[in-house]
């Protein structure tokens, strides 16, 4: 993570975990705010809305394809390192923003939504 990018060994782990139901989860709480809304997002490949499972598979596919994934320090809870990327949406010029973090031997989904327009 010297340059802020997802290291290859974590990438391989995250690809695997994104595809295994017991290795991925999303919860909403004050401690772990999670604007995770894949069913409100159109999949740019299929042009239908994502399902929960489809969102995780899409994440795995993008990780496999080598999408740039960047580290970020999470505000809630402080001290946790999250990982995020943006990908083109089905309806340009928008992008889809995805963020997750490692939680033991699982991935916790934190964000899956359209990016906010730059101000």
PDB file of N, CA and C in Angstrom:
ATOM      1  N   UNK A   1       0.824  -1.192   0.000  1.00  0.00           N
ATOM      2  CA  UNK A   1       0.000   0.000   0.000  1.00  0.00           C
ATOM      3  C   UNK A   1       0.868   1.255   0.000  1.00  0.00           C
ATOM      4  N   UNK A   2       2.126   1.124  -0.335  1.00  0.00           N
ATOM      5  CA  UNK A   2       3.027   2.271  -0.296  1.00  0.00           C
ATOM      6  C   UNK A   2       2.528   3.436  -1.144  1.00  0.00           C
ATOM      7  N   UNK A   3       1.925   3.134  -2.292  1.00  0.00           N
ATOM      8  CA  UNK A   3       1.431   4.215  -3.149  1.00  0.00           C
ATOM      9  C   UNK A   3      -0.074   4.428  -2.993  1.00  0.00           C
ATOM     10  N   UNK A   4      -0.680   3.779  -2.014  1.00  0.00           N
ATOM     11  CA  UNK A   4      -2.108   3.930  -1.778  1.00  0.00           C
ATOM     12  C   UNK A   4      -2.980   2.981  -2.570  1.00  0.00           C
ATOM     13  N   UNK A   5      -2.362   2.124  -3.387  1.00  0.00           N
ATOM     14  CA  UNK A   5      -3.135   1.176  -4.191  1.00  0.00           C
ATOM     15  C   UNK A   5      -3.269  -0.164  -3.479  1.00  0.00           C
ATOM     16  N   UNK A   6      -4.303  -0.883  -3.842  1.00  0.00           N
ATOM     17  CA  UNK A   6      -4.556  -2.204  -3.280  1.00  0.00           C
ATOM     18  C   UNK A   6      -3.437  -3.163  -3.672  1.00  0.00           C
ATOM     19  N   UNK A   7      -2.739  -3.762  -2.681  1.00  0.00           N
ATOM     20  CA  UNK A   7      -1.662  -4.705  -2.991  1.00  0.00           C
ATOM     21  C   UNK A   7      -2.207  -5.977  -3.654  1.00  0.00           C
ATOM     22  N   UNK A   8      -1.406  -6.607  -4.521  1.00  0.00           N
ATOM     23  CA  UNK A   8      -1.865  -7.795  -5.252  1.00  0.00           C
ATOM     24  C   UNK A   8      -2.369  -8.924  -4.352  1.00  0.00           C
ATOM     25  N   UNK A   9      -1.714  -9.140  -3.211  1.00  0.00           N
ATOM     26  CA  UNK A   9      -2.143 -10.243  -2.339  1.00  0.00           C
ATOM     27  C   UNK A   9      -3.523  -9.970  -1.736  1.00  0.00           C
ATOM     28  N   UNK A  10      -3.797  -8.719  -1.394  1.00  0.00           N
ATOM     29  CA  UNK A  10      -5.137  -8.370  -0.898  1.00  0.00           C
ATOM     30  C   UNK A  10      -6.158  -8.424  -2.027  1.00  0.00           C
ATOM     31  N   UNK A  11      -5.776  -7.989  -3.209  1.00  0.00           N
ATOM     32  CA  UNK A  11      -6.680  -8.031  -4.358  1.00  0.00           C
ATOM     33  C   UNK A  11      -7.163  -9.466  -4.581  1.00  0.00           C
ATOM     34  N   UNK A  12      -6.233 -10.417  -4.585  1.00  0.00           N
ATOM     35  CA  UNK A  12      -6.603 -11.824  -4.802  1.00  0.00           C
ATOM     36  C   UNK A  12      -7.552 -12.313  -3.709  1.00  0.00           C
ATOM     37  N   UNK A  13      -7.260 -11.947  -2.482  1.00  0.00           N
ATOM     38  CA  UNK A  13      -8.110 -12.323  -1.351  1.00  0.00           C
ATOM     39  C   UNK A  13      -9.507 -11.708  -1.501  1.00  0.00           C
ATOM     40  N   UNK A  14      -9.567 -10.435  -1.828  1.00  0.00           N
ATOM     41  CA  UNK A  14     -10.849  -9.736  -1.946  1.00  0.00           C
ATOM     42  C   UNK A  14     -11.686 -10.279  -3.105  1.00  0.00           C
ATOM     43  N   UNK A  15     -11.041 -10.669  -4.202  1.00  0.00           N
ATOM     44  CA  UNK A  15     -11.770 -11.281  -5.322  1.00  0.00           C
ATOM     45  C   UNK A  15     -12.469 -12.545  -4.842  1.00  0.00           C
ATOM     46  N   UNK A  16     -11.717 -13.370  -4.145  1.00  0.00           N
ATOM     47  CA  UNK A  16     -12.293 -14.623  -3.623  1.00  0.00           C
ATOM     48  C   UNK A  16     -13.428 -14.330  -2.649  1.00  0.00           C
ATOM     49  N   UNK A  17     -13.194 -13.446  -1.699  1.00  0.00           N
ATOM     50  CA  UNK A  17     -14.194 -13.162  -0.666  1.00  0.00           C
ATOM     51  C   UNK A  17     -15.464 -12.554  -1.241  1.00  0.00           C
ATOM     52  N   UNK A  18     -15.332 -11.703  -2.258  1.00  0.00           N
ATOM     53  CA  UNK A  18     -16.515 -11.072  -2.854  1.00  0.00           C
ATOM     54  C   UNK A  18     -17.462 -12.108  -3.455  1.00  0.00           C
ATOM     55  N   UNK A  19     -16.923 -13.264  -3.809  1.00  0.00           N
ATOM     56  CA  UNK A  19     -17.735 -14.307  -4.448  1.00  0.00           C
ATOM     57  C   UNK A  19     -18.288 -15.347  -3.472  1.00  0.00           C
ATOM     58  N   UNK A  20     -17.929 -15.248  -2.213  1.00  0.00           N
ATOM     59  CA  UNK A  20     -18.375 -16.237  -1.225  1.00  0.00           C
ATOM     60  C   UNK A  20     -19.291 -15.547  -0.225  1.00  0.00           C
ATOM     61  N   UNK A  21     -20.537 -15.989  -0.166  1.00  0.00           N
ATOM     62  CA  UNK A  21     -21.553 -15.315   0.649  1.00  0.00           C
ATOM     63  C   UNK A  21     -21.124 -15.131   2.102  1.00  0.00           C
ATOM     64  N   UNK A  22     -20.517 -16.129   2.698  1.00  0.00           N
ATOM     65  CA  UNK A  22     -20.147 -16.027   4.115  1.00  0.00           C
ATOM     66  C   UNK A  22     -18.920 -15.139   4.356  1.00  0.00           C
ATOM     67  N   UNK A  23     -18.284 -14.689   3.276  1.00  0.00           N
ATOM     68  CA  UNK A  23     -17.092 -13.836   3.388  1.00  0.00           C
ATOM     69  C   UNK A  23     -17.375 -12.372   3.069  1.00  0.00           C
ATOM     70  N   UNK A  24     -18.643 -12.021   2.850  1.00  0.00           N
ATOM     71  CA  UNK A  24     -18.989 -10.640   2.526  1.00  0.00           C
ATOM     72  C   UNK A  24     -20.279 -10.280   3.248  1.00  0.00           C
ATOM     73  N   UNK A  25     -20.403  -9.027   3.629  1.00  0.00           N
ATOM     74  CA  UNK A  25     -21.634  -8.602   4.287  1.00  0.00           C
ATOM     75  C   UNK A  25     -21.741  -7.086   4.262  1.00  0.00           C
ATOM     76  N   UNK A  26     -22.943  -6.618   4.536  1.00  0.00           N
ATOM     77  CA  UNK A  26     -23.226  -5.191   4.659  1.00  0.00           C
ATOM     78  C   UNK A  26     -24.154  -5.032   5.848  1.00  0.00           C
ATOM     79  N   UNK A  27     -23.801  -4.148   6.761  1.00  0.00           N
ATOM     80  CA  UNK A  27     -24.701  -3.800   7.861  1.00  0.00           C
ATOM     81  C   UNK A  27     -24.746  -2.282   7.955  1.00  0.00           C
ATOM     82  N   UNK A  28     -25.851  -1.779   8.432  1.00  0.00           N
ATOM     83  CA  UNK A  28     -26.025  -0.333   8.574  1.00  0.00           C
ATOM     84  C   UNK A  28     -26.126  -0.002  10.062  1.00  0.00           C
ATOM     85  N   UNK A  29     -25.282   0.911  10.522  1.00  0.00           N
ATOM     86  CA  UNK A  29     -25.339   1.361  11.914  1.00  0.00           C
ATOM     87  C   UNK A  29     -24.661   2.724  12.001  1.00  0.00           C
ATOM     88  N   UNK A  30     -24.813   3.378  13.144  1.00  0.00           N
ATOM     89  CA  UNK A  30     -24.131   4.662  13.345  1.00  0.00           C
ATOM     90  C   UNK A  30     -22.617   4.486  13.307  1.00  0.00           C
ATOM     91  N   UNK A  31     -22.139   3.357  13.830  1.00  0.00           N
ATOM     92  CA  UNK A  31     -20.699   3.101  13.861  1.00  0.00           C
ATOM     93  C   UNK A  31     -20.160   2.789  12.460  1.00  0.00           C
ATOM     94  N   UNK A  32     -20.965   2.115  11.660  1.00  0.00           N
ATOM     95  CA  UNK A  32     -20.570   1.720  10.309  1.00  0.00           C
ATOM     96  C   UNK A  32     -21.601   2.212   9.293  1.00  0.00           C
ATOM     97  N   UNK A  33     -21.639   3.517   9.010  1.00  0.00           N
ATOM     98  CA  UNK A  33     -22.605   4.003   8.027  1.00  0.00           C
ATOM     99  C   UNK A  33     -22.312   3.375   6.660  1.00  0.00           C
ATOM    100  N   UNK A  34     -23.348   2.941   6.002  1.00  0.00           N
ATOM    101  CA  UNK A  34     -23.164   2.193   4.755  1.00  0.00           C
ATOM    102  C   UNK A  34     -24.201   2.572   3.707  1.00  0.00           C
ATOM    103  N   UNK A  35     -23.924   3.592   2.902  1.00  0.00           N
ATOM    104  CA  UNK A  35     -24.836   3.897   1.807  1.00  0.00           C
ATOM    105  C   UNK A  35     -24.657   2.868   0.675  1.00  0.00           C
ATOM    106  N   UNK A  36     -25.120   1.668   0.928  1.00  0.00           N
ATOM    107  CA  UNK A  36     -24.963   0.530   0.016  1.00  0.00           C
ATOM    108  C   UNK A  36     -26.310   0.299  -0.662  1.00  0.00           C
ATOM    109  N   UNK A  37     -26.419   0.715  -1.937  1.00  0.00           N
ATOM    110  CA  UNK A  37     -27.714   0.689  -2.623  1.00  0.00           C
ATOM    111  C   UNK A  37     -27.621   0.082  -4.024  1.00  0.00           C
ATOM    112  N   UNK A  38     -27.106  -1.137  -4.164  1.00  0.00           N
ATOM    113  CA  UNK A  38     -26.963  -1.694  -5.515  1.00  0.00           C
ATOM    114  C   UNK A  38     -28.282  -1.850  -6.267  1.00  0.00           C
ATOM    115  N   UNK A  39     -29.377  -2.075  -5.560  1.00  0.00           N
ATOM    116  CA  UNK A  39     -30.654  -2.267  -6.257  1.00  0.00           C
ATOM    117  C   UNK A  39     -31.224  -0.957  -6.806  1.00  0.00           C
ATOM    118  N   UNK A  40     -30.533   0.157  -6.548  1.00  0.00           N
ATOM    119  CA  UNK A  40     -30.920   1.449  -7.122  1.00  0.00           C
ATOM    120  C   UNK A  40     -29.967   1.868  -8.249  1.00  0.00           C
ATOM    121  N   UNK A  41     -29.043   0.975  -8.598  1.00  0.00           N
ATOM    122  CA  UNK A  41     -28.008   1.281  -9.585  1.00  0.00           C
ATOM    123  C   UNK A  41     -28.176   0.368 -10.798  1.00  0.00           C
ATOM    124  N   UNK A  42     -28.060   0.934 -11.979  1.00  0.00           N
ATOM    125  CA  UNK A  42     -28.131   0.140 -13.204  1.00  0.00           C
ATOM    126  C   UNK A  42     -26.764  -0.450 -13.518  1.00  0.00           C
ATOM    127  N   UNK A  43     -26.734  -1.763 -13.707  1.00  0.00           N
ATOM    128  CA  UNK A  43     -25.507  -2.461 -14.068  1.00  0.00           C
ATOM    129  C   UNK A  43     -25.102  -2.007 -15.472  1.00  0.00           C
ATOM    130  N   UNK A  44     -23.872  -1.492 -15.631  1.00  0.00           N
ATOM    131  CA  UNK A  44     -23.464  -0.987 -16.940  1.00  0.00           C
ATOM    132  C   UNK A  44     -23.321  -2.079 -18.001  1.00  0.00           C
ATOM    133  N   UNK A  45     -23.230  -3.327 -17.588  1.00  0.00           N
ATOM    134  CA  UNK A  45     -23.088  -4.432 -18.538  1.00  0.00           C
ATOM    135  C   UNK A  45     -24.457  -4.942 -18.983  1.00  0.00           C
ATOM    136  N   UNK A  46     -25.324  -5.239 -18.018  1.00  0.00           N
ATOM    137  CA  UNK A  46     -26.623  -5.844 -18.337  1.00  0.00           C
ATOM    138  C   UNK A  46     -27.726  -4.824 -18.586  1.00  0.00           C
ATOM    139  N   UNK A  47     -27.515  -3.578 -18.142  1.00  0.00           N
ATOM    140  CA  UNK A  47     -28.509  -2.500 -18.234  1.00  0.00           C
ATOM    141  C   UNK A  47     -29.775  -2.797 -17.425  1.00  0.00           C
ATOM    142  N   UNK A  48     -29.645  -3.654 -16.427  1.00  0.00           N
ATOM    143  CA  UNK A  48     -30.712  -3.899 -15.452  1.00  0.00           C
ATOM    144  C   UNK A  48     -30.155  -3.516 -14.089  1.00  0.00           C
ATOM    145  N   UNK A  49     -31.028  -3.338 -13.095  1.00  0.00           N
ATOM    146  CA  UNK A  49     -30.508  -2.967 -11.779  1.00  0.00           C
ATOM    147  C   UNK A  49     -29.722  -4.132 -11.192  1.00  0.00           C
ATOM    148  N   UNK A  50     -28.742  -3.778 -10.387  1.00  0.00           N
ATOM    149  CA  UNK A  50     -27.956  -4.790  -9.695  1.00  0.00           C
ATOM    150  C   UNK A  50     -28.825  -5.524  -8.684  1.00  0.00           C
ATOM    151  N   UNK A  51     -28.484  -6.763  -8.430  1.00  0.00           N
ATOM    152  CA  UNK A  51     -28.964  -7.483  -7.256  1.00  0.00           C
ATOM    153  C   UNK A  51     -27.839  -7.400  -6.234  1.00  0.00           C
ATOM    154  N   UNK A  52     -28.105  -7.795  -5.002  1.00  0.00           N
ATOM    155  CA  UNK A  52     -27.034  -7.820  -3.995  1.00  0.00           C
ATOM    156  C   UNK A  52     -25.904  -8.745  -4.450  1.00  0.00           C
ATOM    157  N   UNK A  53     -26.256  -9.948  -4.886  1.00  0.00           N
ATOM    158  CA  UNK A  53     -25.242 -10.908  -5.338  1.00  0.00           C
ATOM    159  C   UNK A  53     -24.529 -10.376  -6.579  1.00  0.00           C
ATOM    160  N   UNK A  54     -25.293  -9.815  -7.499  1.00  0.00           N
ATOM    161  CA  UNK A  54     -24.705  -9.271  -8.720  1.00  0.00           C
ATOM    162  C   UNK A  54     -23.728  -8.140  -8.463  1.00  0.00           C
ATOM    163  N   UNK A  55     -24.001  -7.333  -7.452  1.00  0.00           N
ATOM    164  CA  UNK A  55     -23.086  -6.245  -7.099  1.00  0.00           C
ATOM    165  C   UNK A  55     -21.738  -6.801  -6.653  1.00  0.00           C
ATOM    166  N   UNK A  56     -21.772  -7.818  -5.797  1.00  0.00           N
ATOM    167  CA  UNK A  56     -20.517  -8.415  -5.327  1.00  0.00           C
ATOM    168  C   UNK A  56     -19.772  -9.098  -6.480  1.00  0.00           C
ATOM    169  N   UNK A  57     -20.491  -9.755  -7.376  1.00  0.00           N
ATOM    170  CA  UNK A  57     -19.838 -10.396  -8.526  1.00  0.00           C
ATOM    171  C   UNK A  57     -19.195  -9.340  -9.423  1.00  0.00           C
ATOM    172  N   UNK A  58     -19.875  -8.227  -9.635  1.00  0.00           N
ATOM    173  CA  UNK A  58     -19.330  -7.140 -10.444  1.00  0.00           C
ATOM    174  C   UNK A  58     -18.060  -6.588  -9.806  1.00  0.00           C
ATOM    175  N   UNK A  59     -18.071  -6.438  -8.492  1.00  0.00           N
ATOM    176  CA  UNK A  59     -16.871  -5.993  -7.775  1.00  0.00           C
ATOM    177  C   UNK A  59     -15.728  -6.967  -8.035  1.00  0.00           C
ATOM    178  N   UNK A  60     -15.993  -8.269  -7.893  1.00  0.00           N
ATOM    179  CA  UNK A  60     -14.958  -9.282  -8.130  1.00  0.00           C
ATOM    180  C   UNK A  60     -14.433  -9.199  -9.566  1.00  0.00           C
ATOM    181  N   UNK A  61     -15.330  -9.031 -10.524  1.00  0.00           N
ATOM    182  CA  UNK A  61     -14.915  -8.942 -11.926  1.00  0.00           C
ATOM    183  C   UNK A  61     -14.027  -7.726 -12.171  1.00  0.00           C
ATOM    184  N   UNK A  62     -14.387  -6.589 -11.599  1.00  0.00           N
ATOM    185  CA  UNK A  62     -13.565  -5.393 -11.777  1.00  0.00           C
ATOM    186  C   UNK A  62     -12.208  -5.545 -11.094  1.00  0.00           C
ATOM    187  N   UNK A  63     -12.192  -6.163  -9.918  1.00  0.00           N
ATOM    188  CA  UNK A  63     -10.914  -6.419  -9.249  1.00  0.00           C
ATOM    189  C   UNK A  63     -10.046  -7.332 -10.113  1.00  0.00           C
ATOM    190  N   UNK A  64     -10.641  -8.369 -10.686  1.00  0.00           N
ATOM    191  CA  UNK A  64      -9.894  -9.276 -11.572  1.00  0.00           C
ATOM    192  C   UNK A  64      -9.351  -8.543 -12.795  1.00  0.00           C
ATOM    193  N   UNK A  65     -10.125  -7.603 -13.298  1.00  0.00           N
ATOM    194  CA  UNK A  65      -9.717  -6.854 -14.490  1.00  0.00           C
ATOM    195  C   UNK A  65      -8.639  -5.814 -14.184  1.00  0.00           C
ATOM    196  N   UNK A  66      -8.333  -5.625 -12.898  1.00  0.00           N
ATOM    197  CA  UNK A  66      -7.249  -4.722 -12.523  1.00  0.00           C
ATOM    198  C   UNK A  66      -7.642  -3.280 -12.284  1.00  0.00           C
ATOM    199  N   UNK A  67      -8.928  -3.031 -12.028  1.00  0.00           N
ATOM    200  CA  UNK A  67      -9.350  -1.659 -11.743  1.00  0.00           C
ATOM    201  C   UNK A  67      -8.504  -1.079 -10.607  1.00  0.00           C
ATOM    202  N   UNK A  68      -8.160   0.198 -10.714  1.00  0.00           N
ATOM    203  CA  UNK A  68      -7.404   0.858  -9.648  1.00  0.00           C
ATOM    204  C   UNK A  68      -8.276   0.968  -8.408  1.00  0.00           C
ATOM    205  N   UNK A  69      -7.755   0.476  -7.306  1.00  0.00           N
ATOM    206  CA  UNK A  69      -8.442   0.528  -6.013  1.00  0.00           C
ATOM    207  C   UNK A  69      -7.522   1.269  -5.059  1.00  0.00           C
ATOM    208  N   UNK A  70      -8.086   2.238  -4.353  1.00  0.00           N
ATOM    209  CA  UNK A  70      -7.291   3.138  -3.518  1.00  0.00           C
ATOM    210  C   UNK A  70      -7.650   3.001  -2.046  1.00  0.00           C
ATOM    211  N   UNK A  71      -6.644   3.195  -1.202  1.00  0.00           N
ATOM    212  CA  UNK A  71      -6.845   3.169   0.250  1.00  0.00           C
ATOM    213  C   UNK A  71      -7.415   4.501   0.713  1.00  0.00           C
ATOM    214  N   UNK A  72      -8.225   4.436   1.760  1.00  0.00           N
ATOM    215  CA  UNK A  72      -8.748   5.639   2.398  1.00  0.00           C
ATOM    216  C   UNK A  72      -8.924   5.369   3.882  1.00  0.00           C
ATOM    217  N   UNK A  73      -8.612   6.353   4.707  1.00  0.00           N
ATOM    218  CA  UNK A  73      -8.855   6.207   6.148  1.00  0.00           C
ATOM    219  C   UNK A  73     -10.321   6.491   6.407  1.00  0.00           C
ATOM    220  N   UNK A  74     -10.975   5.565   7.072  1.00  0.00           N
ATOM    221  CA  UNK A  74     -12.397   5.699   7.344  1.00  0.00           C
ATOM    222  C   UNK A  74     -12.607   6.664   8.512  1.00  0.00           C
ATOM    223  N   UNK A  75     -13.650   7.477   8.417  1.00  0.00           N
ATOM    224  CA  UNK A  75     -14.029   8.357   9.524  1.00  0.00           C
ATOM    225  C   UNK A  75     -14.757   7.577  10.612  1.00  0.00           C
ATOM    226  N   UNK A  76     -15.571   6.627  10.182  1.00  0.00           N
ATOM    227  CA  UNK A  76     -16.349   5.822  11.133  1.00  0.00           C
ATOM    228  C   UNK A  76     -16.172   4.357  10.787  1.00  0.00           C
ATOM    229  N   UNK A  77     -15.653   3.567  11.685  1.00  0.00           N
ATOM    230  CA  UNK A  77     -14.918   4.014  12.858  1.00  0.00           C
ATOM    231  C   UNK A  77     -13.529   4.497  12.458  1.00  0.00           C
ATOM    232  N   UNK A  78     -12.976   5.414  13.247  1.00  0.00           N
ATOM    233  CA  UNK A  78     -11.646   5.929  12.924  1.00  0.00           C
ATOM    234  C   UNK A  78     -10.589   4.828  12.994  1.00  0.00           C
ATOM    235  N   UNK A  79      -9.582   4.972  12.145  1.00  0.00           N
ATOM    236  CA  UNK A  79      -8.464   4.039  12.172  1.00  0.00           C
ATOM    237  C   UNK A  79      -8.585   2.871  11.208  1.00  0.00           C
ATOM    238  N   UNK A  80      -9.756   2.633  10.667  1.00  0.00           N
ATOM    239  CA  UNK A  80      -9.945   1.526   9.724  1.00  0.00           C
ATOM    240  C   UNK A  80      -9.517   1.998   8.334  1.00  0.00           C
ATOM    241  N   UNK A  81      -8.825   1.130   7.610  1.00  0.00           N
ATOM    242  CA  UNK A  81      -8.462   1.429   6.228  1.00  0.00           C
ATOM    243  C   UNK A  81      -9.524   0.818   5.321  1.00  0.00           C
ATOM    244  N   UNK A  82     -10.132   1.663   4.521  1.00  0.00           N
ATOM    245  CA  UNK A  82     -11.095   1.205   3.532  1.00  0.00           C
ATOM    246  C   UNK A  82     -10.457   1.215   2.156  1.00  0.00           C
ATOM    247  N   UNK A  83     -11.139   0.600   1.217  1.00  0.00           N
ATOM    248  CA  UNK A  83     -10.678   0.539  -0.167  1.00  0.00           C
ATOM    249  C   UNK A  83     -11.813   1.000  -1.058  1.00  0.00           C
ATOM    250  N   UNK A  84     -11.503   1.828  -2.050  1.00  0.00           N
ATOM    251  CA  UNK A  84     -12.571   2.343  -2.905  1.00  0.00           C
ATOM    252  C   UNK A  84     -12.123   2.415  -4.362  1.00  0.00           C
ATOM    253  N   UNK A  85     -13.115   2.426  -5.231  1.00  0.00           N
ATOM    254  CA  UNK A  85     -12.882   2.680  -6.646  1.00  0.00           C
ATOM    255  C   UNK A  85     -14.141   3.301  -7.235  1.00  0.00           C
ATOM    256  N   UNK A  86     -13.977   3.901  -8.394  1.00  0.00           N
ATOM    257  CA  UNK A  86     -15.130   4.358  -9.165  1.00  0.00           C
ATOM    258  C   UNK A  86     -15.070   3.664 -10.516  1.00  0.00           C
ATOM    259  N   UNK A  87     -16.243   3.412 -11.074  1.00  0.00           N
ATOM    260  CA  UNK A  87     -16.341   2.755 -12.377  1.00  0.00           C
ATOM    261  C   UNK A  87     -17.420   3.462 -13.187  1.00  0.00           C
ATOM    262  N   UNK A  88     -17.282   3.453 -14.500  1.00  0.00           N
ATOM    263  CA  UNK A  88     -18.295   4.100 -15.333  1.00  0.00           C
ATOM    264  C   UNK A  88     -19.676   3.492 -15.095  1.00  0.00           C
ATOM    265  N   UNK A  89     -20.674   4.345 -15.090  1.00  0.00           N
ATOM    266  CA  UNK A  89     -22.043   3.862 -14.915  1.00  0.00           C
ATOM    267  C   UNK A  89     -22.673   3.616 -16.282  1.00  0.00           C
ATOM    268  N   UNK A  90     -23.864   3.083 -16.267  1.00  0.00           N
ATOM    269  CA  UNK A  90     -24.588   2.830 -17.513  1.00  0.00           C
ATOM    270  C   UNK A  90     -25.008   4.126 -18.178  1.00  0.00           C
ATOM    271  N   UNK A  91     -25.076   5.195 -17.395  1.00  0.00           N
ATOM    272  CA  UNK A  91     -25.561   6.462 -17.912  1.00  0.00           C
ATOM    273  C   UNK A  91     -24.538   7.561 -17.675  1.00  0.00           C
ATOM    274  N   UNK A  92     -23.524   7.671 -18.576  1.00  0.00           N
ATOM    275  CA  UNK A  92     -22.529   8.723 -18.434  1.00  0.00           C
ATOM    276  C   UNK A  92     -23.201  10.078 -18.369  1.00  0.00           C
ATOM    277  N   UNK A  93     -22.584  11.065 -17.743  1.00  0.00           N
ATOM    278  CA  UNK A  93     -21.204  11.047 -17.284  1.00  0.00           C
ATOM    279  C   UNK A  93     -21.034  10.525 -15.871  1.00  0.00           C
ATOM    280  N   UNK A  94     -22.017   9.876 -15.309  1.00  0.00           N
ATOM    281  CA  UNK A  94     -21.929   9.415 -13.926  1.00  0.00           C
ATOM    282  C   UNK A  94     -20.950   8.271 -13.726  1.00  0.00           C
ATOM    283  N   UNK A  95     -20.638   8.055 -12.476  1.00  0.00           N
ATOM    284  CA  UNK A  95     -19.787   6.936 -12.082  1.00  0.00           C
ATOM    285  C   UNK A  95     -20.431   6.238 -10.896  1.00  0.00           C
ATOM    286  N   UNK A  96     -20.037   5.006 -10.706  1.00  0.00           N
ATOM    287  CA  UNK A  96     -20.479   4.235  -9.546  1.00  0.00           C
ATOM    288  C   UNK A  96     -19.322   4.215  -8.556  1.00  0.00           C
ATOM    289  N   UNK A  97     -19.611   4.584  -7.327  1.00  0.00           N
ATOM    290  CA  UNK A  97     -18.608   4.635  -6.257  1.00  0.00           C
ATOM    291  C   UNK A  97     -18.805   3.413  -5.370  1.00  0.00           C
ATOM    292  N   UNK A  98     -17.723   2.662  -5.157  1.00  0.00           N
ATOM    293  CA  UNK A  98     -17.762   1.451  -4.336  1.00  0.00           C
ATOM    294  C   UNK A  98     -16.671   1.544  -3.280  1.00  0.00           C
ATOM    295  N   UNK A  99     -17.040   1.239  -2.041  1.00  0.00           N
ATOM    296  CA  UNK A  99     -16.057   1.226  -0.949  1.00  0.00           C
ATOM    297  C   UNK A  99     -16.355   0.038  -0.046  1.00  0.00           C
ATOM    298  N   UNK A 100     -15.292  -0.577   0.446  1.00  0.00           N
ATOM    299  CA  UNK A 100     -15.416  -1.721   1.353  1.00  0.00           C
ATOM    300  C   UNK A 100     -14.191  -1.741   2.246  1.00  0.00           C
ATOM    301  N   UNK A 101     -14.247  -2.517   3.305  1.00  0.00           N
ATOM    302  CA  UNK A 101     -13.048  -2.704   4.119  1.00  0.00           C
ATOM    303  C   UNK A 101     -12.996  -4.130   4.633  1.00  0.00           C
ATOM    304  N   UNK A 102     -11.796  -4.495   5.010  1.00  0.00           N
ATOM    305  CA  UNK A 102     -11.562  -5.828   5.553  1.00  0.00           C
ATOM    306  C   UNK A 102     -12.034  -5.839   6.993  1.00  0.00           C
ATOM    307  N   UNK A 103     -12.743  -6.880   7.347  1.00  0.00           N
ATOM    308  CA  UNK A 103     -13.242  -7.057   8.712  1.00  0.00           C
ATOM    309  C   UNK A 103     -12.927  -8.498   9.094  1.00  0.00           C
ATOM    310  N   UNK A 104     -11.740  -8.700   9.671  1.00  0.00           N
ATOM    311  CA  UNK A 104     -11.293 -10.071   9.934  1.00  0.00           C
ATOM    312  C   UNK A 104     -11.041 -10.768   8.609  1.00  0.00           C
ATOM    313  N   UNK A 105     -11.730 -11.887   8.407  1.00  0.00           N
ATOM    314  CA  UNK A 105     -11.577 -12.605   7.141  1.00  0.00           C
ATOM    315  C   UNK A 105     -12.824 -12.446   6.264  1.00  0.00           C
ATOM    316  N   UNK A 106     -13.396 -11.232   6.310  1.00  0.00           N
ATOM    317  CA  UNK A 106     -14.570 -10.904   5.508  1.00  0.00           C
ATOM    318  C   UNK A 106     -14.423  -9.504   4.916  1.00  0.00           C
ATOM    319  N   UNK A 107     -15.234  -9.243   3.901  1.00  0.00           N
ATOM    320  CA  UNK A 107     -15.349  -7.894   3.349  1.00  0.00           C
ATOM    321  C   UNK A 107     -16.645  -7.285   3.842  1.00  0.00           C
ATOM    322  N   UNK A 108     -16.554  -6.080   4.349  1.00  0.00           N
ATOM    323  CA  UNK A 108     -17.745  -5.336   4.764  1.00  0.00           C
ATOM    324  C   UNK A 108     -17.992  -4.271   3.697  1.00  0.00           C
ATOM    325  N   UNK A 109     -19.125  -4.367   3.029  1.00  0.00           N
ATOM    326  CA  UNK A 109     -19.500  -3.358   2.050  1.00  0.00           C
ATOM    327  C   UNK A 109     -19.878  -2.070   2.751  1.00  0.00           C
ATOM    328  N   UNK A 110     -19.357  -0.948   2.279  1.00  0.00           N
ATOM    329  CA  UNK A 110     -19.641   0.337   2.920  1.00  0.00           C
ATOM    330  C   UNK A 110     -20.326   1.330   1.996  1.00  0.00           C
ATOM    331  N   UNK A 111     -20.001   1.315   0.711  1.00  0.00           N
ATOM    332  CA  UNK A 111     -20.634   2.249  -0.229  1.00  0.00           C
ATOM    333  C   UNK A 111     -20.831   1.571  -1.577  1.00  0.00           C
ATOM    334  N   UNK A 112     -22.001   1.761  -2.127  1.00  0.00           N
ATOM    335  CA  UNK A 112     -22.297   1.320  -3.490  1.00  0.00           C
ATOM    336  C   UNK A 112     -23.394   2.254  -3.976  1.00  0.00           C
ATOM    337  N   UNK A 113     -23.001   3.295  -4.681  1.00  0.00           N
ATOM    338  CA  UNK A 113     -23.965   4.312  -5.111  1.00  0.00           C
ATOM    339  C   UNK A 113     -23.361   5.125  -6.247  1.00  0.00           C
ATOM    340  N   UNK A 114     -24.193   5.933  -6.869  1.00  0.00           N
ATOM    341  CA  UNK A 114     -23.673   6.844  -7.881  1.00  0.00           C
ATOM    342  C   UNK A 114     -22.811   7.887  -7.193  1.00  0.00           C
ATOM    343  N   UNK A 115     -21.706   8.263  -7.856  1.00  0.00           N
ATOM    344  CA  UNK A 115     -20.822   9.301  -7.314  1.00  0.00           C
ATOM    345  C   UNK A 115     -21.540  10.631  -7.300  1.00  0.00           C
ATOM    346  N   UNK A 116     -21.180  11.422  -6.314  1.00  0.00           N
ATOM    347  CA  UNK A 116     -21.694  12.789  -6.254  1.00  0.00           C
ATOM    348  C   UNK A 116     -20.987  13.604  -7.333  1.00  0.00           C
ATOM    349  N   UNK A 117     -21.709  14.463  -8.037  1.00  0.00           N
ATOM    350  CA  UNK A 117     -21.047  15.303  -9.046  1.00  0.00           C
ATOM    351  C   UNK A 117     -20.006  16.216  -8.400  1.00  0.00           C
ATOM    352  N   UNK A 118     -18.912  16.435  -9.105  1.00  0.00           N
ATOM    353  CA  UNK A 118     -17.862  17.339  -8.606  1.00  0.00           C
ATOM    354  C   UNK A 118     -18.421  18.750  -8.521  1.00  0.00           C
ATOM    355  N   UNK A 119     -18.016  19.445  -7.459  1.00  0.00           N
ATOM    356  CA  UNK A 119     -18.494  20.820  -7.265  1.00  0.00           C
ATOM    357  C   UNK A 119     -17.397  21.805  -7.554  1.00  0.00           C
TER     358      UNK A 119
END
